[in-house]
Amino acid sequence: MTNLQKIQKQIYQNKIDKGFNITDIPLQFCLTQGELAEAFEAYRKKLPSVGEELSDVAIYLFGLAEILGVDLEEEILKKMEKNSKRVYEKVDGVLKRV
């Protein structure tokens, strides 16, 4: 098991241990979105907490992945490979995938 896989499982276990939601999937998506909004606000206001807010986003995302049975590390690696093979070009000043 890799470090990211361990982290994902630890995040989920912490949710269980603390009694946080692990069943209401739409709520988890909304809470994750809220954490991303908080990270954006910290960035926009140039607050020193932007790193902490980004870590909250990652924690919520990895927790949601574990709830859904998704190995997020594996999915990230597959998506990175897919993205590396995509070709883009600027058309009228806009970057488009071709």
PDB file of N, CA and C in Angstrom:
ATOM      1  N   MET A   1       0.850  -1.184   0.000  1.00  0.00           N
ATOM      2  CA  MET A   1       0.000   0.000   0.000  1.00  0.00           C
ATOM      3  C   MET A   1       0.895   1.245   0.000  1.00  0.00           C
ATOM      4  N   THR A   2       0.594   2.182  -0.883  1.00  0.00           N
ATOM      5  CA  THR A   2       1.383   3.409  -0.991  1.00  0.00           C
ATOM      6  C   THR A   2       0.987   4.413   0.089  1.00  0.00           C
ATOM      7  N   ASN A   3       1.779   5.464   0.203  1.00  0.00           N
ATOM      8  CA  ASN A   3       1.477   6.492   1.199  1.00  0.00           C
ATOM      9  C   ASN A   3       0.120   7.135   0.975  1.00  0.00           C
ATOM     10  N   LEU A   4      -0.206   7.466  -0.276  1.00  0.00           N
ATOM     11  CA  LEU A   4      -1.497   8.096  -0.548  1.00  0.00           C
ATOM     12  C   LEU A   4      -2.658   7.157  -0.234  1.00  0.00           C
ATOM     13  N   GLN A   5      -2.501   5.894  -0.515  1.00  0.00           N
ATOM     14  CA  GLN A   5      -3.553   4.932  -0.181  1.00  0.00           C
ATOM     15  C   GLN A   5      -3.729   4.840   1.338  1.00  0.00           C
ATOM     16  N   LYS A   6      -2.618   4.873   2.074  1.00  0.00           N
ATOM     17  CA  LYS A   6      -2.693   4.866   3.538  1.00  0.00           C
ATOM     18  C   LYS A   6      -3.372   6.122   4.051  1.00  0.00           C
ATOM     19  N   ILE A   7      -3.001   7.256   3.482  1.00  0.00           N
ATOM     20  CA  ILE A   7      -3.604   8.526   3.882  1.00  0.00           C
ATOM     21  C   ILE A   7      -5.111   8.483   3.643  1.00  0.00           C
ATOM     22  N   GLN A   8      -5.522   7.984   2.483  1.00  0.00           N
ATOM     23  CA  GLN A   8      -6.948   7.903   2.169  1.00  0.00           C
ATOM     24  C   GLN A   8      -7.679   7.067   3.216  1.00  0.00           C
ATOM     25  N   LYS A   9      -7.106   5.947   3.588  1.00  0.00           N
ATOM     26  CA  LYS A   9      -7.734   5.085   4.593  1.00  0.00           C
ATOM     27  C   LYS A   9      -7.729   5.739   5.976  1.00  0.00           C
ATOM     28  N   GLN A  10      -6.653   6.447   6.323  1.00  0.00           N
ATOM     29  CA  GLN A  10      -6.591   7.148   7.615  1.00  0.00           C
ATOM     30  C   GLN A  10      -7.639   8.247   7.695  1.00  0.00           C
ATOM     31  N   ILE A  11      -7.828   8.972   6.607  1.00  0.00           N
ATOM     32  CA  ILE A  11      -8.840  10.027   6.574  1.00  0.00           C
ATOM     33  C   ILE A  11     -10.219   9.426   6.816  1.00  0.00           C
ATOM     34  N   TYR A  12     -10.515   8.332   6.143  1.00  0.00           N
ATOM     35  CA  TYR A  12     -11.810   7.666   6.312  1.00  0.00           C
ATOM     36  C   TYR A  12     -11.969   7.164   7.758  1.00  0.00           C
ATOM     37  N   GLN A  13     -10.918   6.557   8.299  1.00  0.00           N
ATOM     38  CA  GLN A  13     -10.993   6.049   9.677  1.00  0.00           C
ATOM     39  C   GLN A  13     -11.241   7.183  10.668  1.00  0.00           C
ATOM     40  N   ASN A  14     -10.623   8.338  10.439  1.00  0.00           N
ATOM     41  CA  ASN A  14     -10.845   9.493  11.304  1.00  0.00           C
ATOM     42  C   ASN A  14     -12.306   9.937  11.238  1.00  0.00           C
ATOM     43  N   LYS A  15     -12.899   9.884  10.043  1.00  0.00           N
ATOM     44  CA  LYS A  15     -14.309  10.230   9.899  1.00  0.00           C
ATOM     45  C   LYS A  15     -15.164   9.290  10.750  1.00  0.00           C
ATOM     46  N   ILE A  16     -14.851   8.006  10.701  1.00  0.00           N
ATOM     47  CA  ILE A  16     -15.589   7.021  11.497  1.00  0.00           C
ATOM     48  C   ILE A  16     -15.375   7.290  12.983  1.00  0.00           C
ATOM     49  N   ASP A  17     -14.107   7.459  13.379  1.00  0.00           N
ATOM     50  CA  ASP A  17     -13.778   7.657  14.788  1.00  0.00           C
ATOM     51  C   ASP A  17     -14.453   8.885  15.379  1.00  0.00           C
ATOM     52  N   LYS A  18     -14.582   9.931  14.588  1.00  0.00           N
ATOM     53  CA  LYS A  18     -15.144  11.195  15.085  1.00  0.00           C
ATOM     54  C   LYS A  18     -16.656  11.295  14.865  1.00  0.00           C
ATOM     55  N   GLY A  19     -17.226  10.323  14.160  1.00  0.00           N
ATOM     56  CA  GLY A  19     -18.661  10.344  13.910  1.00  0.00           C
ATOM     57  C   GLY A  19     -19.083  11.270  12.789  1.00  0.00           C
ATOM     58  N   PHE A  20     -18.147  11.574  11.874  1.00  0.00           N
ATOM     59  CA  PHE A  20     -18.485  12.418  10.735  1.00  0.00           C
ATOM     60  C   PHE A  20     -19.274  11.618   9.704  1.00  0.00           C
ATOM     61  N   ASN A  21     -19.922  12.322   8.814  1.00  0.00           N
ATOM     62  CA  ASN A  21     -20.740  11.708   7.777  1.00  0.00           C
ATOM     63  C   ASN A  21     -19.915  10.770   6.881  1.00  0.00           C
ATOM     64  N   ILE A  22     -20.450   9.580   6.659  1.00  0.00           N
ATOM     65  CA  ILE A  22     -19.847   8.656   5.690  1.00  0.00           C
ATOM     66  C   ILE A  22     -20.914   8.029   4.799  1.00  0.00           C
ATOM     67  N   THR A  23     -22.147   8.522   4.890  1.00  0.00           N
ATOM     68  CA  THR A  23     -23.233   7.913   4.123  1.00  0.00           C
ATOM     69  C   THR A  23     -23.941   8.880   3.182  1.00  0.00           C
ATOM     70  N   ASP A  24     -23.973  10.148   3.489  1.00  0.00           N
ATOM     71  CA  ASP A  24     -24.692  11.122   2.664  1.00  0.00           C
ATOM     72  C   ASP A  24     -23.736  11.674   1.609  1.00  0.00           C
ATOM     73  N   ILE A  25     -23.717  11.021   0.444  1.00  0.00           N
ATOM     74  CA  ILE A  25     -22.774  11.363  -0.621  1.00  0.00           C
ATOM     75  C   ILE A  25     -22.994  12.784  -1.150  1.00  0.00           C
ATOM     76  N   PRO A  26     -24.234  13.196  -1.450  1.00  0.00           N
ATOM     77  CA  PRO A  26     -24.417  14.579  -1.915  1.00  0.00           C
ATOM     78  C   PRO A  26     -23.893  15.608  -0.913  1.00  0.00           C
ATOM     79  N   LEU A  27     -24.092  15.352   0.374  1.00  0.00           N
ATOM     80  CA  LEU A  27     -23.563  16.259   1.399  1.00  0.00           C
ATOM     81  C   LEU A  27     -22.050  16.325   1.323  1.00  0.00           C
ATOM     82  N   GLN A  28     -21.399  15.190   1.132  1.00  0.00           N
ATOM     83  CA  GLN A  28     -19.931  15.177   1.060  1.00  0.00           C
ATOM     84  C   GLN A  28     -19.425  15.987  -0.127  1.00  0.00           C
ATOM     85  N   PHE A  29     -20.124  15.882  -1.264  1.00  0.00           N
ATOM     86  CA  PHE A  29     -19.742  16.698  -2.418  1.00  0.00           C
ATOM     87  C   PHE A  29     -19.882  18.182  -2.091  1.00  0.00           C
ATOM     88  N   CYS A  30     -20.969  18.549  -1.436  1.00  0.00           N
ATOM     89  CA  CYS A  30     -21.193  19.958  -1.076  1.00  0.00           C
ATOM     90  C   CYS A  30     -20.152  20.451  -0.074  1.00  0.00           C
ATOM     91  N   LEU A  31     -19.827  19.646   0.907  1.00  0.00           N
ATOM     92  CA  LEU A  31     -18.818  20.040   1.899  1.00  0.00           C
ATOM     93  C   LEU A  31     -17.448  20.196   1.242  1.00  0.00           C
ATOM     94  N   THR A  32     -17.141  19.327   0.300  1.00  0.00           N
ATOM     95  CA  THR A  32     -15.873  19.427  -0.432  1.00  0.00           C
ATOM     96  C   THR A  32     -15.824  20.720  -1.226  1.00  0.00           C
ATOM     97  N   GLN A  33     -16.925  21.044  -1.874  1.00  0.00           N
ATOM     98  CA  GLN A  33     -17.016  22.288  -2.629  1.00  0.00           C
ATOM     99  C   GLN A  33     -16.850  23.488  -1.699  1.00  0.00           C
ATOM    100  N   GLY A  34     -17.437  23.416  -0.522  1.00  0.00           N
ATOM    101  CA  GLY A  34     -17.297  24.497   0.454  1.00  0.00           C
ATOM    102  C   GLY A  34     -15.855  24.703   0.881  1.00  0.00           C
ATOM    103  N   GLU A  35     -15.135  23.612   1.047  1.00  0.00           N
ATOM    104  CA  GLU A  35     -13.720  23.716   1.416  1.00  0.00           C
ATOM    105  C   GLU A  35     -12.909  24.355   0.288  1.00  0.00           C
ATOM    106  N   LEU A  36     -13.250  24.038  -0.957  1.00  0.00           N
ATOM    107  CA  LEU A  36     -12.566  24.656  -2.086  1.00  0.00           C
ATOM    108  C   LEU A  36     -12.846  26.159  -2.127  1.00  0.00           C
ATOM    109  N   ALA A  37     -14.072  26.538  -1.816  1.00  0.00           N
ATOM    110  CA  ALA A  37     -14.418  27.965  -1.765  1.00  0.00           C
ATOM    111  C   ALA A  37     -13.618  28.668  -0.664  1.00  0.00           C
ATOM    112  N   GLU A  38     -13.444  28.016   0.476  1.00  0.00           N
ATOM    113  CA  GLU A  38     -12.640  28.597   1.553  1.00  0.00           C
ATOM    114  C   GLU A  38     -11.189  28.763   1.118  1.00  0.00           C
ATOM    115  N   ALA A  39     -10.659  27.802   0.376  1.00  0.00           N
ATOM    116  CA  ALA A  39      -9.282  27.906  -0.122  1.00  0.00           C
ATOM    117  C   ALA A  39      -9.166  29.075  -1.091  1.00  0.00           C
ATOM    118  N   PHE A  40     -10.160  29.241  -1.941  1.00  0.00           N
ATOM    119  CA  PHE A  40     -10.138  30.359  -2.880  1.00  0.00           C
ATOM    120  C   PHE A  40     -10.172  31.689  -2.137  1.00  0.00           C
ATOM    121  N   GLU A  41     -11.001  31.786  -1.120  1.00  0.00           N
ATOM    122  CA  GLU A  41     -11.076  33.026  -0.342  1.00  0.00           C
ATOM    123  C   GLU A  41      -9.739  33.327   0.333  1.00  0.00           C
ATOM    124  N   ALA A  42      -9.099  32.317   0.871  1.00  0.00           N
ATOM    125  CA  ALA A  42      -7.791  32.515   1.499  1.00  0.00           C
ATOM    126  C   ALA A  42      -6.779  32.995   0.460  1.00  0.00           C
ATOM    127  N   TYR A  43      -6.827  32.419  -0.731  1.00  0.00           N
ATOM    128  CA  TYR A  43      -5.932  32.844  -1.814  1.00  0.00           C
ATOM    129  C   TYR A  43      -6.237  34.283  -2.222  1.00  0.00           C
ATOM    130  N   ARG A  44      -7.521  34.564  -2.444  1.00  0.00           N
ATOM    131  CA  ARG A  44      -7.946  35.890  -2.901  1.00  0.00           C
ATOM    132  C   ARG A  44      -7.559  36.978  -1.916  1.00  0.00           C
ATOM    133  N   LYS A  45      -7.662  36.659  -0.639  1.00  0.00           N
ATOM    134  CA  LYS A  45      -7.344  37.637   0.415  1.00  0.00           C
ATOM    135  C   LYS A  45      -5.880  37.584   0.835  1.00  0.00           C
ATOM    136  N   LYS A  46      -5.103  36.745   0.138  1.00  0.00           N
ATOM    137  CA  LYS A  46      -3.673  36.581   0.432  1.00  0.00           C
ATOM    138  C   LYS A  46      -3.426  36.212   1.899  1.00  0.00           C
ATOM    139  N   LEU A  47      -4.252  35.314   2.407  1.00  0.00           N
ATOM    140  CA  LEU A  47      -4.127  34.867   3.787  1.00  0.00           C
ATOM    141  C   LEU A  47      -3.077  33.765   3.895  1.00  0.00           C
ATOM    142  N   PRO A  48      -2.406  33.683   5.007  1.00  0.00           N
ATOM    143  CA  PRO A  48      -1.405  32.626   5.182  1.00  0.00           C
ATOM    144  C   PRO A  48      -2.022  31.233   5.339  1.00  0.00           C
ATOM    145  N   SER A  49      -3.328  31.158   5.472  1.00  0.00           N
ATOM    146  CA  SER A  49      -4.002  29.871   5.686  1.00  0.00           C
ATOM    147  C   SER A  49      -4.332  29.132   4.396  1.00  0.00           C
ATOM    148  N   VAL A  50      -3.882  29.650   3.238  1.00  0.00           N
ATOM    149  CA  VAL A  50      -4.245  29.008   1.969  1.00  0.00           C
ATOM    150  C   VAL A  50      -3.788  27.552   1.922  1.00  0.00           C
ATOM    151  N   GLY A  51      -2.619  27.241   2.441  1.00  0.00           N
ATOM    152  CA  GLY A  51      -2.133  25.854   2.459  1.00  0.00           C
ATOM    153  C   GLY A  51      -3.010  24.961   3.307  1.00  0.00           C
ATOM    154  N   GLU A  52      -3.400  25.449   4.466  1.00  0.00           N
ATOM    155  CA  GLU A  52      -4.279  24.672   5.340  1.00  0.00           C
ATOM    156  C   GLU A  52      -5.635  24.442   4.668  1.00  0.00           C
ATOM    157  N   GLU A  53      -6.144  25.463   4.001  1.00  0.00           N
ATOM    158  CA  GLU A  53      -7.426  25.318   3.312  1.00  0.00           C
ATOM    159  C   GLU A  53      -7.325  24.311   2.162  1.00  0.00           C
ATOM    160  N   LEU A  54      -6.219  24.343   1.432  1.00  0.00           N
ATOM    161  CA  LEU A  54      -6.024  23.356   0.369  1.00  0.00           C
ATOM    162  C   LEU A  54      -5.929  21.941   0.941  1.00  0.00           C
ATOM    163  N   SER A  55      -5.321  21.810   2.111  1.00  0.00           N
ATOM    164  CA  SER A  55      -5.244  20.480   2.719  1.00  0.00           C
ATOM    165  C   SER A  55      -6.636  20.004   3.128  1.00  0.00           C
ATOM    166  N   ASP A  56      -7.505  20.930   3.560  1.00  0.00           N
ATOM    167  CA  ASP A  56      -8.892  20.550   3.857  1.00  0.00           C
ATOM    168  C   ASP A  56      -9.587  20.011   2.609  1.00  0.00           C
ATOM    169  N   VAL A  57      -9.350  20.660   1.472  1.00  0.00           N
ATOM    170  CA  VAL A  57      -9.930  20.190   0.212  1.00  0.00           C
ATOM    171  C   VAL A  57      -9.468  18.760  -0.062  1.00  0.00           C
ATOM    172  N   ALA A  58      -8.174  18.524   0.066  1.00  0.00           N
ATOM    173  CA  ALA A  58      -7.627  17.192  -0.196  1.00  0.00           C
ATOM    174  C   ALA A  58      -8.199  16.161   0.781  1.00  0.00           C
ATOM    175  N   ILE A  59      -8.320  16.532   2.041  1.00  0.00           N
ATOM    176  CA  ILE A  59      -8.862  15.616   3.044  1.00  0.00           C
ATOM    177  C   ILE A  59     -10.302  15.239   2.698  1.00  0.00           C
ATOM    178  N   TYR A  60     -11.106  16.234   2.365  1.00  0.00           N
ATOM    179  CA  TYR A  60     -12.483  15.931   1.984  1.00  0.00           C
ATOM    180  C   TYR A  60     -12.533  15.075   0.721  1.00  0.00           C
ATOM    181  N   LEU A  61     -11.682  15.379  -0.244  1.00  0.00           N
ATOM    182  CA  LEU A  61     -11.670  14.634  -1.501  1.00  0.00           C
ATOM    183  C   LEU A  61     -11.239  13.182  -1.286  1.00  0.00           C
ATOM    184  N   PHE A  62     -10.184  12.974  -0.514  1.00  0.00           N
ATOM    185  CA  PHE A  62      -9.728  11.605  -0.243  1.00  0.00           C
ATOM    186  C   PHE A  62     -10.755  10.850   0.594  1.00  0.00           C
ATOM    187  N   GLY A  63     -11.401  11.536   1.522  1.00  0.00           N
ATOM    188  CA  GLY A  63     -12.457  10.894   2.308  1.00  0.00           C
ATOM    189  C   GLY A  63     -13.620  10.465   1.432  1.00  0.00           C
ATOM    190  N   LEU A  64     -14.030  11.351   0.525  1.00  0.00           N
ATOM    191  CA  LEU A  64     -15.113  11.029  -0.390  1.00  0.00           C
ATOM    192  C   LEU A  64     -14.730   9.854  -1.289  1.00  0.00           C
ATOM    193  N   ALA A  65     -13.501   9.849  -1.763  1.00  0.00           N
ATOM    194  CA  ALA A  65     -13.030   8.734  -2.593  1.00  0.00           C
ATOM    195  C   ALA A  65     -13.120   7.413  -1.841  1.00  0.00           C
ATOM    196  N   GLU A  66     -12.720   7.421  -0.595  1.00  0.00           N
ATOM    197  CA  GLU A  66     -12.773   6.180   0.196  1.00  0.00           C
ATOM    198  C   GLU A  66     -14.219   5.744   0.419  1.00  0.00           C
ATOM    199  N   ILE A  67     -15.105   6.678   0.689  1.00  0.00           N
ATOM    200  CA  ILE A  67     -16.525   6.354   0.857  1.00  0.00           C
ATOM    201  C   ILE A  67     -17.060   5.687  -0.410  1.00  0.00           C
ATOM    202  N   LEU A  68     -16.634   6.200  -1.568  1.00  0.00           N
ATOM    203  CA  LEU A  68     -17.121   5.684  -2.847  1.00  0.00           C
ATOM    204  C   LEU A  68     -16.348   4.458  -3.349  1.00  0.00           C
ATOM    205  N   GLY A  69     -15.299   4.064  -2.611  1.00  0.00           N
ATOM    206  CA  GLY A  69     -14.519   2.898  -3.018  1.00  0.00           C
ATOM    207  C   GLY A  69     -13.600   3.168  -4.197  1.00  0.00           C
ATOM    208  N   VAL A  70     -13.148   4.417  -4.310  1.00  0.00           N
ATOM    209  CA  VAL A  70     -12.268   4.822  -5.406  1.00  0.00           C
ATOM    210  C   VAL A  70     -10.842   4.956  -4.877  1.00  0.00           C
ATOM    211  N   ASP A  71      -9.900   4.281  -5.518  1.00  0.00           N
ATOM    212  CA  ASP A  71      -8.482   4.458  -5.196  1.00  0.00           C
ATOM    213  C   ASP A  71      -8.038   5.731  -5.905  1.00  0.00           C
ATOM    214  N   LEU A  72      -8.058   6.846  -5.176  1.00  0.00           N
ATOM    215  CA  LEU A  72      -7.814   8.142  -5.795  1.00  0.00           C
ATOM    216  C   LEU A  72      -6.409   8.247  -6.382  1.00  0.00           C
ATOM    217  N   GLU A  73      -5.422   7.675  -5.718  1.00  0.00           N
ATOM    218  CA  GLU A  73      -4.064   7.700  -6.257  1.00  0.00           C
ATOM    219  C   GLU A  73      -4.025   7.025  -7.627  1.00  0.00           C
ATOM    220  N   GLU A  74      -4.612   5.861  -7.723  1.00  0.00           N
ATOM    221  CA  GLU A  74      -4.635   5.131  -8.992  1.00  0.00           C
ATOM    222  C   GLU A  74      -5.343   5.947 -10.070  1.00  0.00           C
ATOM    223  N   GLU A  75      -6.449   6.551  -9.715  1.00  0.00           N
ATOM    224  CA  GLU A  75      -7.208   7.349 -10.684  1.00  0.00           C
ATOM    225  C   GLU A  75      -6.430   8.596 -11.115  1.00  0.00           C
ATOM    226  N   ILE A  76      -5.739   9.218 -10.185  1.00  0.00           N
ATOM    227  CA  ILE A  76      -4.924  10.389 -10.520  1.00  0.00           C
ATOM    228  C   ILE A  76      -3.820   9.996 -11.494  1.00  0.00           C
ATOM    229  N   LEU A  77      -3.141   8.892 -11.217  1.00  0.00           N
ATOM    230  CA  LEU A  77      -2.061   8.449 -12.093  1.00  0.00           C
ATOM    231  C   LEU A  77      -2.572   8.119 -13.494  1.00  0.00           C
ATOM    232  N   LYS A  78      -3.726   7.462 -13.569  1.00  0.00           N
ATOM    233  CA  LYS A  78      -4.305   7.143 -14.880  1.00  0.00           C
ATOM    234  C   LYS A  78      -4.679   8.428 -15.627  1.00  0.00           C
ATOM    235  N   LYS A  79      -5.253   9.378 -14.918  1.00  0.00           N
ATOM    236  CA  LYS A  79      -5.661  10.626 -15.557  1.00  0.00           C
ATOM    237  C   LYS A  79      -4.455  11.446 -15.994  1.00  0.00           C
ATOM    238  N   MET A  80      -3.385  11.451 -15.204  1.00  0.00           N
ATOM    239  CA  MET A  80      -2.169  12.155 -15.593  1.00  0.00           C
ATOM    240  C   MET A  80      -1.595  11.566 -16.876  1.00  0.00           C
ATOM    241  N   GLU A  81      -1.602  10.255 -16.977  1.00  0.00           N
ATOM    242  CA  GLU A  81      -1.114   9.582 -18.179  1.00  0.00           C
ATOM    243  C   GLU A  81      -1.973   9.977 -19.383  1.00  0.00           C
ATOM    244  N   LYS A  82      -3.268   9.962 -19.212  1.00  0.00           N
ATOM    245  CA  LYS A  82      -4.190  10.339 -20.278  1.00  0.00           C
ATOM    246  C   LYS A  82      -3.960  11.791 -20.700  1.00  0.00           C
ATOM    247  N   ASN A  83      -3.831  12.684 -19.716  1.00  0.00           N
ATOM    248  CA  ASN A  83      -3.614  14.101 -20.011  1.00  0.00           C
ATOM    249  C   ASN A  83      -2.290  14.342 -20.732  1.00  0.00           C
ATOM    250  N   SER A  84      -1.266  13.566 -20.409  1.00  0.00           N
ATOM    251  CA  SER A  84       0.048  13.762 -21.031  1.00  0.00           C
ATOM    252  C   SER A  84       0.021  13.470 -22.527  1.00  0.00           C
ATOM    253  N   LYS A  85      -0.951  12.682 -22.963  1.00  0.00           N
ATOM    254  CA  LYS A  85      -1.050  12.306 -24.371  1.00  0.00           C
ATOM    255  C   LYS A  85      -1.972  13.230 -25.167  1.00  0.00           C
ATOM    256  N   ARG A  86      -2.661  14.117 -24.491  1.00  0.00           N
ATOM    257  CA  ARG A  86      -3.561  15.036 -25.181  1.00  0.00           C
ATOM    258  C   ARG A  86      -2.771  16.143 -25.877  1.00  0.00           C
ATOM    259  N   VAL A  87      -3.305  16.588 -26.984  1.00  0.00           N
ATOM    260  CA  VAL A  87      -2.668  17.646 -27.764  1.00  0.00           C
ATOM    261  C   VAL A  87      -3.583  18.867 -27.761  1.00  0.00           C
ATOM    262  N   TYR A  88      -2.977  20.027 -27.547  1.00  0.00           N
ATOM    263  CA  TYR A  88      -3.730  21.280 -27.511  1.00  0.00           C
ATOM    264  C   TYR A  88      -3.115  22.270 -28.481  1.00  0.00           C
ATOM    265  N   GLU A  89      -3.946  23.159 -28.972  1.00  0.00           N
ATOM    266  CA  GLU A  89      -3.435  24.255 -29.790  1.00  0.00           C
ATOM    267  C   GLU A  89      -4.300  25.485 -29.533  1.00  0.00           C
ATOM    268  N   LYS A  90      -3.705  26.645 -29.781  1.00  0.00           N
ATOM    269  CA  LYS A  90      -4.445  27.890 -29.615  1.00  0.00           C
ATOM    270  C   LYS A  90      -5.209  28.190 -30.886  1.00  0.00           C
ATOM    271  N   VAL A  91      -6.499  28.410 -30.719  1.00  0.00           N
ATOM    272  CA  VAL A  91      -7.370  28.785 -31.822  1.00  0.00           C
ATOM    273  C   VAL A  91      -8.029  30.100 -31.436  1.00  0.00           C
ATOM    274  N   ASP A  92      -7.723  31.135 -32.179  1.00  0.00           N
ATOM    275  CA  ASP A  92      -8.245  32.472 -31.875  1.00  0.00           C
ATOM    276  C   ASP A  92      -7.925  32.880 -30.440  1.00  0.00           C
ATOM    277  N   GLY A  93      -6.730  32.544 -29.997  1.00  0.00           N
ATOM    278  CA  GLY A  93      -6.280  32.926 -28.656  1.00  0.00           C
ATOM    279  C   GLY A  93      -6.792  32.063 -27.533  1.00  0.00           C
ATOM    280  N   VAL A  94      -7.540  30.994 -27.874  1.00  0.00           N
ATOM    281  CA  VAL A  94      -8.102  30.110 -26.854  1.00  0.00           C
ATOM    282  C   VAL A  94      -7.468  28.733 -27.008  1.00  0.00           C
ATOM    283  N   LEU A  95      -6.978  28.185 -25.901  1.00  0.00           N
ATOM    284  CA  LEU A  95      -6.380  26.849 -25.922  1.00  0.00           C
ATOM    285  C   LEU A  95      -7.472  25.804 -26.033  1.00  0.00           C
ATOM    286  N   LYS A  96      -7.393  24.973 -27.088  1.00  0.00           N
ATOM    287  CA  LYS A  96      -8.410  23.935 -27.318  1.00  0.00           C
ATOM    288  C   LYS A  96      -7.723  22.593 -27.533  1.00  0.00           C
ATOM    289  N   ARG A  97      -8.394  21.562 -27.067  1.00  0.00           N
ATOM    290  CA  ARG A  97      -7.896  20.197 -27.278  1.00  0.00           C
ATOM    291  C   ARG A  97      -8.227  19.770 -28.692  1.00  0.00           C
ATOM    292  N   VAL A  98      -7.246  19.160 -29.360  1.00  0.00           N
ATOM    293  CA  VAL A  98      -7.464  18.685 -30.736  1.00  0.00           C
ATOM    294  C   VAL A  98      -7.337  17.183 -30.796  1.00  0.00           C
TER     295      VAL A  98
END
